[in-house]
Amino acid sequence: FLPKIKVEVVLADDMVDQAVEAIIKAAHTGKIGDGKIFVMP
């Protein structure tokens, strides 16, 4: 098991795409293990 960080945020529906894009842009390294994003109601 590798150490990871889980970031959770609850927001309005119209902010989801901006949040997901911001996370992708900031967390991307291009290497295996960059992570995953889950969106739930």
ModelCIF file with pLDDT and N, C-alpha, C, O atoms, coordinates in Angstrom:
data_MODEL
#
_entry.id   MODEL 
#
_entity.id                         1 
_entity.type                       polymer 
_entity.pdbx_number_of_molecules   1 
#
_entity_poly.entity_id                      1 
_entity_poly.type                           'polypeptide(L)' 
_entity_poly.nstd_linkage                   no 
_entity_poly.nstd_monomer                   no 
_entity_poly.pdbx_seq_one_letter_code       FLPKIKVEVVLADDMVDQAVEAIIKAAHTGKIGDGKIFVMP 
_entity_poly.pdbx_seq_one_letter_code_can   FLPKIKVEVVLADDMVDQAVEAIIKAAHTGKIGDGKIFVMP 
_entity_poly.pdbx_strand_id                 A 
#
loop_
_entity_poly_seq.entity_id 
_entity_poly_seq.num 
_entity_poly_seq.mon_id 
_entity_poly_seq.hetero 
1 1  PHE n 
1 2  LEU n 
1 3  PRO n 
1 4  LYS n 
1 5  ILE n 
1 6  LYS n 
1 7  VAL n 
1 8  GLU n 
1 9  VAL n 
1 10 VAL n 
1 11 LEU n 
1 12 ALA n 
1 13 ASP n 
1 14 ASP n 
1 15 MET n 
1 16 VAL n 
1 17 ASP n 
1 18 GLN n 
1 19 ALA n 
1 20 VAL n 
1 21 GLU n 
1 22 ALA n 
1 23 ILE n 
1 24 ILE n 
1 25 LYS n 
1 26 ALA n 
1 27 ALA n 
1 28 HIS n 
1 29 THR n 
1 30 GLY n 
1 31 LYS n 
1 32 ILE n 
1 33 GLY n 
1 34 ASP n 
1 35 GLY n 
1 36 LYS n 
1 37 ILE n 
1 38 PHE n 
1 39 VAL n 
1 40 MET n 
1 41 PRO n 
#
_struct_asym.id          A 
_struct_asym.entity_id   1 
#
loop_
_ma_qa_metric.id 
_ma_qa_metric.mode 
_ma_qa_metric.name 
_ma_qa_metric.software_group_id 
_ma_qa_metric.type 
1 global pLDDT . pLDDT 
2 local  pLDDT . pLDDT 
#
_ma_qa_metric_global.metric_id      1 
_ma_qa_metric_global.metric_value   94.29 
_ma_qa_metric_global.model_id       1 
_ma_qa_metric_global.ordinal_id     1 
#
loop_
_ma_qa_metric_local.label_asym_id 
_ma_qa_metric_local.label_comp_id 
_ma_qa_metric_local.label_seq_id 
_ma_qa_metric_local.metric_id 
_ma_qa_metric_local.metric_value 
_ma_qa_metric_local.model_id 
_ma_qa_metric_local.ordinal_id 
A PHE 1  2 80.00 1 1  
A LEU 2  2 85.00 1 2  
A PRO 3  2 90.00 1 3  
A LYS 4  2 94.00 1 4  
A ILE 5  2 97.00 1 5  
A LYS 6  2 98.00 1 6  
A VAL 7  2 98.00 1 7  
A GLU 8  2 98.00 1 8  
A VAL 9  2 97.00 1 9  
A VAL 10 2 95.00 1 10 
A LEU 11 2 93.00 1 11 
A ALA 12 2 93.00 1 12 
A ASP 13 2 94.00 1 13 
A ASP 14 2 94.00 1 14 
A MET 15 2 94.00 1 15 
A VAL 16 2 96.00 1 16 
A ASP 17 2 96.00 1 17 
A GLN 18 2 96.00 1 18 
A ALA 19 2 97.00 1 19 
A VAL 20 2 97.00 1 20 
A GLU 21 2 97.00 1 21 
A ALA 22 2 97.00 1 22 
A ILE 23 2 97.00 1 23 
A ILE 24 2 97.00 1 24 
A LYS 25 2 97.00 1 25 
A ALA 26 2 97.00 1 26 
A ALA 27 2 97.00 1 27 
A HIS 28 2 96.00 1 28 
A THR 29 2 94.00 1 29 
A GLY 30 2 91.00 1 30 
A LYS 31 2 89.00 1 31 
A ILE 32 2 84.00 1 32 
A GLY 33 2 85.00 1 33 
A ASP 34 2 90.00 1 34 
A GLY 35 2 93.00 1 35 
A LYS 36 2 96.00 1 36 
A ILE 37 2 97.00 1 37 
A PHE 38 2 98.00 1 38 
A VAL 39 2 98.00 1 39 
A MET 40 2 97.00 1 40 
A PRO 41 2 97.00 1 41 
#
loop_
_atom_site.group_PDB 
_atom_site.id 
_atom_site.type_symbol 
_atom_site.label_atom_id 
_atom_site.label_alt_id 
_atom_site.label_comp_id 
_atom_site.label_asym_id 
_atom_site.label_entity_id 
_atom_site.label_seq_id 
_atom_site.pdbx_PDB_ins_code 
_atom_site.Cartn_x 
_atom_site.Cartn_y 
_atom_site.Cartn_z 
_atom_site.occupancy 
_atom_site.B_iso_or_equiv 
_atom_site.pdbx_formal_charge 
_atom_site.auth_seq_id 
_atom_site.auth_comp_id 
_atom_site.auth_asym_id 
_atom_site.auth_atom_id 
_atom_site.pdbx_PDB_model_num 
ATOM 1   N N  . PHE A 1 1  ? 0.843   -1.188 0.000   1.00 80.00 ? 1  PHE A N  1 
ATOM 2   C CA . PHE A 1 1  ? 0.000   0.000  0.000   1.00 80.00 ? 1  PHE A CA 1 
ATOM 3   C C  . PHE A 1 1  ? 0.883   1.245  0.000   1.00 80.00 ? 1  PHE A C  1 
ATOM 4   O O  . PHE A 1 1  ? 1.746   1.418  0.861   1.00 80.00 ? 1  PHE A O  1 
ATOM 5   N N  . LEU A 1 2  ? 0.645   2.100  -0.983  1.00 85.00 ? 2  LEU A N  1 
ATOM 6   C CA . LEU A 1 2  ? 1.432   3.317  -1.127  1.00 85.00 ? 2  LEU A CA 1 
ATOM 7   C C  . LEU A 1 2  ? 0.732   4.489  -0.449  1.00 85.00 ? 2  LEU A C  1 
ATOM 8   O O  . LEU A 1 2  ? -0.497  4.557  -0.466  1.00 85.00 ? 2  LEU A O  1 
ATOM 9   N N  . PRO A 1 3  ? 1.482   5.411  0.146   1.00 90.00 ? 3  PRO A N  1 
ATOM 10  C CA . PRO A 1 3  ? 0.855   6.569  0.779   1.00 90.00 ? 3  PRO A CA 1 
ATOM 11  C C  . PRO A 1 3  ? 0.248   7.498  -0.272  1.00 90.00 ? 3  PRO A C  1 
ATOM 12  O O  . PRO A 1 3  ? 0.883   7.813  -1.279  1.00 90.00 ? 3  PRO A O  1 
ATOM 13  N N  . LYS A 1 4  ? -0.965  7.923  -0.028  1.00 94.00 ? 4  LYS A N  1 
ATOM 14  C CA . LYS A 1 4  ? -1.681  8.847  -0.914  1.00 94.00 ? 4  LYS A CA 1 
ATOM 15  C C  . LYS A 1 4  ? -2.393  9.877  -0.054  1.00 94.00 ? 4  LYS A C  1 
ATOM 16  O O  . LYS A 1 4  ? -2.432  9.766  1.171   1.00 94.00 ? 4  LYS A O  1 
ATOM 17  N N  . ILE A 1 5  ? -2.950  10.870 -0.709  1.00 97.00 ? 5  ILE A N  1 
ATOM 18  C CA . ILE A 1 5  ? -3.757  11.890 -0.042  1.00 97.00 ? 5  ILE A CA 1 
ATOM 19  C C  . ILE A 1 5  ? -5.136  11.888 -0.681  1.00 97.00 ? 5  ILE A C  1 
ATOM 20  O O  . ILE A 1 5  ? -5.262  11.868 -1.906  1.00 97.00 ? 5  ILE A O  1 
ATOM 21  N N  . LYS A 1 6  ? -6.179  11.908 0.161   1.00 98.00 ? 6  LYS A N  1 
ATOM 22  C CA . LYS A 1 6  ? -7.543  12.025 -0.355  1.00 98.00 ? 6  LYS A CA 1 
ATOM 23  C C  . LYS A 1 6  ? -8.033  13.434 -0.048  1.00 98.00 ? 6  LYS A C  1 
ATOM 24  O O  . LYS A 1 6  ? -8.069  13.860 1.106   1.00 98.00 ? 6  LYS A O  1 
ATOM 25  N N  . VAL A 1 7  ? -8.408  14.148 -1.106  1.00 98.00 ? 7  VAL A N  1 
ATOM 26  C CA . VAL A 1 7  ? -8.942  15.499 -0.987  1.00 98.00 ? 7  VAL A CA 1 
ATOM 27  C C  . VAL A 1 7  ? -10.437 15.416 -1.273  1.00 98.00 ? 7  VAL A C  1 
ATOM 28  O O  . VAL A 1 7  ? -10.844 14.878 -2.302  1.00 98.00 ? 7  VAL A O  1 
ATOM 29  N N  . GLU A 1 8  ? -11.253 15.945 -0.371  1.00 98.00 ? 8  GLU A N  1 
ATOM 30  C CA . GLU A 1 8  ? -12.704 15.917 -0.543  1.00 98.00 ? 8  GLU A CA 1 
ATOM 31  C C  . GLU A 1 8  ? -13.246 17.336 -0.515  1.00 98.00 ? 8  GLU A C  1 
ATOM 32  O O  . GLU A 1 8  ? -12.845 18.151 0.315   1.00 98.00 ? 8  GLU A O  1 
ATOM 33  N N  . VAL A 1 9  ? -14.153 17.616 -1.422  1.00 97.00 ? 9  VAL A N  1 
ATOM 34  C CA . VAL A 1 9  ? -14.795 18.928 -1.448  1.00 97.00 ? 9  VAL A CA 1 
ATOM 35  C C  . VAL A 1 9  ? -16.239 18.751 -1.927  1.00 97.00 ? 9  VAL A C  1 
ATOM 36  O O  . VAL A 1 9  ? -16.499 18.019 -2.882  1.00 97.00 ? 9  VAL A O  1 
ATOM 37  N N  . VAL A 1 10 ? -17.174 19.429 -1.254  1.00 95.00 ? 10 VAL A N  1 
ATOM 38  C CA . VAL A 1 10 ? -18.576 19.425 -1.655  1.00 95.00 ? 10 VAL A CA 1 
ATOM 39  C C  . VAL A 1 10 ? -18.874 20.794 -2.232  1.00 95.00 ? 10 VAL A C  1 
ATOM 40  O O  . VAL A 1 10 ? -18.560 21.818 -1.624  1.00 95.00 ? 10 VAL A O  1 
ATOM 41  N N  . LEU A 1 11 ? -19.486 20.805 -3.417  1.00 93.00 ? 11 LEU A N  1 
ATOM 42  C CA . LEU A 1 11 ? -19.725 22.069 -4.091  1.00 93.00 ? 11 LEU A CA 1 
ATOM 43  C C  . LEU A 1 11 ? -20.964 22.031 -4.964  1.00 93.00 ? 11 LEU A C  1 
ATOM 44  O O  . LEU A 1 11 ? -21.559 20.977 -5.189  1.00 93.00 ? 11 LEU A O  1 
ATOM 45  N N  . ALA A 1 12 ? -21.340 23.206 -5.450  1.00 93.00 ? 12 ALA A N  1 
ATOM 46  C CA . ALA A 1 12 ? -22.507 23.328 -6.326  1.00 93.00 ? 12 ALA A CA 1 
ATOM 47  C C  . ALA A 1 12 ? -22.214 22.644 -7.657  1.00 93.00 ? 12 ALA A C  1 
ATOM 48  O O  . ALA A 1 12 ? -21.063 22.563 -8.087  1.00 93.00 ? 12 ALA A O  1 
ATOM 49  N N  . ASP A 1 13 ? -23.264 22.157 -8.300  1.00 94.00 ? 13 ASP A N  1 
ATOM 50  C CA . ASP A 1 13 ? -23.120 21.429 -9.559  1.00 94.00 ? 13 ASP A CA 1 
ATOM 51  C C  . ASP A 1 13 ? -22.349 22.211 -10.614 1.00 94.00 ? 13 ASP A C  1 
ATOM 52  O O  . ASP A 1 13 ? -21.578 21.631 -11.379 1.00 94.00 ? 13 ASP A O  1 
ATOM 53  N N  . ASP A 1 14 ? -22.552 23.528 -10.659 1.00 94.00 ? 14 ASP A N  1 
ATOM 54  C CA . ASP A 1 14 ? -21.908 24.326 -11.704 1.00 94.00 ? 14 ASP A CA 1 
ATOM 55  C C  . ASP A 1 14 ? -20.414 24.552 -11.461 1.00 94.00 ? 14 ASP A C  1 
ATOM 56  O O  . ASP A 1 14 ? -19.727 25.104 -12.321 1.00 94.00 ? 14 ASP A O  1 
ATOM 57  N N  . MET A 1 15 ? -19.908 24.135 -10.307 1.00 94.00 ? 15 MET A N  1 
ATOM 58  C CA . MET A 1 15 ? -18.478 24.280 -10.005 1.00 94.00 ? 15 MET A CA 1 
ATOM 59  C C  . MET A 1 15 ? -17.682 22.997 -10.229 1.00 94.00 ? 15 MET A C  1 
ATOM 60  O O  . MET A 1 15 ? -16.453 23.011 -10.166 1.00 94.00 ? 15 MET A O  1 
ATOM 61  N N  . VAL A 1 16 ? -18.371 21.896 -10.489 1.00 96.00 ? 16 VAL A N  1 
ATOM 62  C CA . VAL A 1 16 ? -17.713 20.592 -10.566 1.00 96.00 ? 16 VAL A CA 1 
ATOM 63  C C  . VAL A 1 16 ? -16.654 20.545 -11.665 1.00 96.00 ? 16 VAL A C  1 
ATOM 64  O O  . VAL A 1 16 ? -15.523 20.128 -11.412 1.00 96.00 ? 16 VAL A O  1 
ATOM 65  N N  . ASP A 1 17 ? -17.000 20.963 -12.872 1.00 96.00 ? 17 ASP A N  1 
ATOM 66  C CA . ASP A 1 17 ? -16.050 20.881 -13.980 1.00 96.00 ? 17 ASP A CA 1 
ATOM 67  C C  . ASP A 1 17 ? -14.795 21.702 -13.707 1.00 96.00 ? 17 ASP A C  1 
ATOM 68  O O  . ASP A 1 17 ? -13.685 21.264 -14.011 1.00 96.00 ? 17 ASP A O  1 
ATOM 69  N N  . GLN A 1 18 ? -14.969 22.896 -13.131 1.00 96.00 ? 18 GLN A N  1 
ATOM 70  C CA . GLN A 1 18 ? -13.816 23.737 -12.802 1.00 96.00 ? 18 GLN A CA 1 
ATOM 71  C C  . GLN A 1 18 ? -12.932 23.065 -11.755 1.00 96.00 ? 18 GLN A C  1 
ATOM 72  O O  . GLN A 1 18 ? -11.706 23.101 -11.854 1.00 96.00 ? 18 GLN A O  1 
ATOM 73  N N  . ALA A 1 19 ? -13.556 22.454 -10.755 1.00 97.00 ? 19 ALA A N  1 
ATOM 74  C CA . ALA A 1 19 ? -12.800 21.783 -9.699  1.00 97.00 ? 19 ALA A CA 1 
ATOM 75  C C  . ALA A 1 19 ? -12.028 20.597 -10.248 1.00 97.00 ? 19 ALA A C  1 
ATOM 76  O O  . ALA A 1 19 ? -10.850 20.422 -9.937  1.00 97.00 ? 19 ALA A O  1 
ATOM 77  N N  . VAL A 1 20 ? -12.684 19.780 -11.064 1.00 97.00 ? 20 VAL A N  1 
ATOM 78  C CA . VAL A 1 20 ? -12.033 18.609 -11.655 1.00 97.00 ? 20 VAL A CA 1 
ATOM 79  C C  . VAL A 1 20 ? -10.852 19.037 -12.526 1.00 97.00 ? 20 VAL A C  1 
ATOM 80  O O  . VAL A 1 20 ? -9.777  18.444 -12.444 1.00 97.00 ? 20 VAL A O  1 
ATOM 81  N N  . GLU A 1 21 ? -11.041 20.049 -13.348 1.00 97.00 ? 21 GLU A N  1 
ATOM 82  C CA . GLU A 1 21 ? -9.953  20.528 -14.207 1.00 97.00 ? 21 GLU A CA 1 
ATOM 83  C C  . GLU A 1 21 ? -8.791  21.070 -13.373 1.00 97.00 ? 21 GLU A C  1 
ATOM 84  O O  . GLU A 1 21 ? -7.629  20.833 -13.703 1.00 97.00 ? 21 GLU A O  1 
ATOM 85  N N  . ALA A 1 22 ? -9.098  21.793 -12.299 1.00 97.00 ? 22 ALA A N  1 
ATOM 86  C CA . ALA A 1 22 ? -8.047  22.333 -11.434 1.00 97.00 ? 22 ALA A CA 1 
ATOM 87  C C  . ALA A 1 22 ? -7.239  21.207 -10.788 1.00 97.00 ? 22 ALA A C  1 
ATOM 88  O O  . ALA A 1 22 ? -6.016  21.292 -10.687 1.00 97.00 ? 22 ALA A O  1 
ATOM 89  N N  . ILE A 1 23 ? -7.935  20.151 -10.352 1.00 97.00 ? 23 ILE A N  1 
ATOM 90  C CA . ILE A 1 23 ? -7.238  19.014 -9.731  1.00 97.00 ? 23 ILE A CA 1 
ATOM 91  C C  . ILE A 1 23 ? -6.364  18.311 -10.751 1.00 97.00 ? 23 ILE A C  1 
ATOM 92  O O  . ILE A 1 23 ? -5.208  17.995 -10.470 1.00 97.00 ? 23 ILE A O  1 
ATOM 93  N N  . ILE A 1 24 ? -6.909  18.065 -11.935 1.00 97.00 ? 24 ILE A N  1 
ATOM 94  C CA . ILE A 1 24 ? -6.132  17.391 -12.979 1.00 97.00 ? 24 ILE A CA 1 
ATOM 95  C C  . ILE A 1 24 ? -4.872  18.190 -13.307 1.00 97.00 ? 24 ILE A C  1 
ATOM 96  O O  . ILE A 1 24 ? -3.776  17.635 -13.385 1.00 97.00 ? 24 ILE A O  1 
ATOM 97  N N  . LYS A 1 25 ? -5.038  19.476 -13.495 1.00 97.00 ? 25 LYS A N  1 
ATOM 98  C CA . LYS A 1 25 ? -3.909  20.337 -13.856 1.00 97.00 ? 25 LYS A CA 1 
ATOM 99  C C  . LYS A 1 25 ? -2.838  20.326 -12.765 1.00 97.00 ? 25 LYS A C  1 
ATOM 100 O O  . LYS A 1 25 ? -1.647  20.261 -13.068 1.00 97.00 ? 25 LYS A O  1 
ATOM 101 N N  . ALA A 1 26 ? -3.253  20.389 -11.506 1.00 97.00 ? 26 ALA A N  1 
ATOM 102 C CA . ALA A 1 26 ? -2.304  20.471 -10.397 1.00 97.00 ? 26 ALA A CA 1 
ATOM 103 C C  . ALA A 1 26 ? -1.672  19.129 -10.037 1.00 97.00 ? 26 ALA A C  1 
ATOM 104 O O  . ALA A 1 26 ? -0.511  19.091 -9.628  1.00 97.00 ? 26 ALA A O  1 
ATOM 105 N N  . ALA A 1 27 ? -2.405  18.033 -10.178 1.00 97.00 ? 27 ALA A N  1 
ATOM 106 C CA . ALA A 1 27 ? -1.917  16.731 -9.712  1.00 97.00 ? 27 ALA A CA 1 
ATOM 107 C C  . ALA A 1 27 ? -1.201  15.928 -10.792 1.00 97.00 ? 27 ALA A C  1 
ATOM 108 O O  . ALA A 1 27 ? -0.569  14.917 -10.485 1.00 97.00 ? 27 ALA A O  1 
ATOM 109 N N  . HIS A 1 28 ? -1.288  16.351 -12.030 1.00 96.00 ? 28 HIS A N  1 
ATOM 110 C CA . HIS A 1 28 ? -0.725  15.581 -13.146 1.00 96.00 ? 28 HIS A CA 1 
ATOM 111 C C  . HIS A 1 28 ? 0.803   15.594 -13.146 1.00 96.00 ? 28 HIS A C  1 
ATOM 112 O O  . HIS A 1 28 ? 1.425   16.655 -13.093 1.00 96.00 ? 28 HIS A O  1 
ATOM 113 N N  . THR A 1 29 ? 1.399   14.397 -13.207 1.00 94.00 ? 29 THR A N  1 
ATOM 114 C CA . THR A 1 29 ? 2.846   14.279 -13.397 1.00 94.00 ? 29 THR A CA 1 
ATOM 115 C C  . THR A 1 29 ? 3.149   13.517 -14.680 1.00 94.00 ? 29 THR A C  1 
ATOM 116 O O  . THR A 1 29 ? 4.259   13.588 -15.207 1.00 94.00 ? 29 THR A O  1 
ATOM 117 N N  . GLY A 1 30 ? 2.152   12.786 -15.181 1.00 91.00 ? 30 GLY A N  1 
ATOM 118 C CA . GLY A 1 30 ? 2.356   11.977 -16.367 1.00 91.00 ? 30 GLY A CA 1 
ATOM 119 C C  . GLY A 1 30 ? 2.889   10.587 -16.060 1.00 91.00 ? 30 GLY A C  1 
ATOM 120 O O  . GLY A 1 30 ? 3.116   9.787  -16.967 1.00 91.00 ? 30 GLY A O  1 
ATOM 121 N N  . LYS A 1 31 ? 3.086   10.304 -14.776 1.00 89.00 ? 31 LYS A N  1 
ATOM 122 C CA . LYS A 1 31 ? 3.616   9.006  -14.374 1.00 89.00 ? 31 LYS A CA 1 
ATOM 123 C C  . LYS A 1 31 ? 2.519   8.182  -13.721 1.00 89.00 ? 31 LYS A C  1 
ATOM 124 O O  . LYS A 1 31 ? 1.516   8.718  -13.249 1.00 89.00 ? 31 LYS A O  1 
ATOM 125 N N  . ILE A 1 32 ? 2.724   6.879  -13.701 1.00 84.00 ? 32 ILE A N  1 
ATOM 126 C CA . ILE A 1 32 ? 1.747   5.985  -13.079 1.00 84.00 ? 32 ILE A CA 1 
ATOM 127 C C  . ILE A 1 32 ? 1.576   6.372  -11.606 1.00 84.00 ? 32 ILE A C  1 
ATOM 128 O O  . ILE A 1 32 ? 2.545   6.722  -10.932 1.00 84.00 ? 32 ILE A O  1 
ATOM 129 N N  . GLY A 1 33 ? 0.346   6.305  -11.119 1.00 85.00 ? 33 GLY A N  1 
ATOM 130 C CA . GLY A 1 33 ? 0.064   6.641  -9.726  1.00 85.00 ? 33 GLY A CA 1 
ATOM 131 C C  . GLY A 1 33 ? -0.363  8.068  -9.497  1.00 85.00 ? 33 GLY A C  1 
ATOM 132 O O  . GLY A 1 33 ? -0.420  8.515  -8.351  1.00 85.00 ? 33 GLY A O  1 
ATOM 133 N N  . ASP A 1 34 ? -0.668  8.808  -10.569 1.00 90.00 ? 34 ASP A N  1 
ATOM 134 C CA . ASP A 1 34 ? -1.129  10.194 -10.408 1.00 90.00 ? 34 ASP A CA 1 
ATOM 135 C C  . ASP A 1 34 ? -2.425  10.268 -9.615  1.00 90.00 ? 34 ASP A C  1 
ATOM 136 O O  . ASP A 1 34 ? -2.668  11.264 -8.933  1.00 90.00 ? 34 ASP A O  1 
ATOM 137 N N  . GLY A 1 35 ? -3.260  9.241  -9.687  1.00 93.00 ? 35 GLY A N  1 
ATOM 138 C CA . GLY A 1 35 ? -4.465  9.205  -8.875  1.00 93.00 ? 35 GLY A CA 1 
ATOM 139 C C  . GLY A 1 35 ? -5.748  9.140  -9.667  1.00 93.00 ? 35 GLY A C  1 
ATOM 140 O O  . GLY A 1 35 ? -5.748  8.906  -10.876 1.00 93.00 ? 35 GLY A O  1 
ATOM 141 N N  . LYS A 1 36 ? -6.842  9.352  -8.961  1.00 96.00 ? 36 LYS A N  1 
ATOM 142 C CA . LYS A 1 36 ? -8.179  9.286  -9.547  1.00 96.00 ? 36 LYS A CA 1 
ATOM 143 C C  . LYS A 1 36 ? -9.044  10.370 -8.929  1.00 96.00 ? 36 LYS A C  1 
ATOM 144 O O  . LYS A 1 36 ? -8.776  10.860 -7.832  1.00 96.00 ? 36 LYS A O  1 
ATOM 145 N N  . ILE A 1 37 ? -10.099 10.733 -9.669  1.00 97.00 ? 37 ILE A N  1 
ATOM 146 C CA . ILE A 1 37 ? -11.086 11.690 -9.177  1.00 97.00 ? 37 ILE A CA 1 
ATOM 147 C C  . ILE A 1 37 ? -12.454 11.025 -9.266  1.00 97.00 ? 37 ILE A C  1 
ATOM 148 O O  . ILE A 1 37 ? -12.804 10.434 -10.287 1.00 97.00 ? 37 ILE A O  1 
ATOM 149 N N  . PHE A 1 38 ? -13.217 11.126 -8.190  1.00 98.00 ? 38 PHE A N  1 
ATOM 150 C CA . PHE A 1 38 ? -14.564 10.574 -8.146  1.00 98.00 ? 38 PHE A CA 1 
ATOM 151 C C  . PHE A 1 38 ? -15.544 11.709 -7.901  1.00 98.00 ? 38 PHE A C  1 
ATOM 152 O O  . PHE A 1 38 ? -15.293 12.572 -7.060  1.00 98.00 ? 38 PHE A O  1 
ATOM 153 N N  . VAL A 1 39 ? -16.660 11.718 -8.628  1.00 98.00 ? 39 VAL A N  1 
ATOM 154 C CA . VAL A 1 39 ? -17.695 12.737 -8.446  1.00 98.00 ? 39 VAL A CA 1 
ATOM 155 C C  . VAL A 1 39 ? -18.982 12.010 -8.074  1.00 98.00 ? 39 VAL A C  1 
ATOM 156 O O  . VAL A 1 39 ? -19.434 11.111 -8.784  1.00 98.00 ? 39 VAL A O  1 
ATOM 157 N N  . MET A 1 40 ? -19.571 12.423 -6.932  1.00 97.00 ? 40 MET A N  1 
ATOM 158 C CA . MET A 1 40 ? -20.768 11.760 -6.424  1.00 97.00 ? 40 MET A CA 1 
ATOM 159 C C  . MET A 1 40 ? -21.840 12.784 -6.063  1.00 97.00 ? 40 MET A C  1 
ATOM 160 O O  . MET A 1 40 ? -21.524 13.913 -5.686  1.00 97.00 ? 40 MET A O  1 
ATOM 161 N N  . PRO A 1 41 ? -23.097 12.393 -6.177  1.00 97.00 ? 41 PRO A N  1 
ATOM 162 C CA . PRO A 1 41 ? -24.164 13.310 -5.763  1.00 97.00 ? 41 PRO A CA 1 
ATOM 163 C C  . PRO A 1 41 ? -24.227 13.424 -4.237  1.00 97.00 ? 41 PRO A C  1 
ATOM 164 O O  . PRO A 1 41 ? -25.066 14.153 -3.707  1.00 97.00 ? 41 PRO A O  1 
#
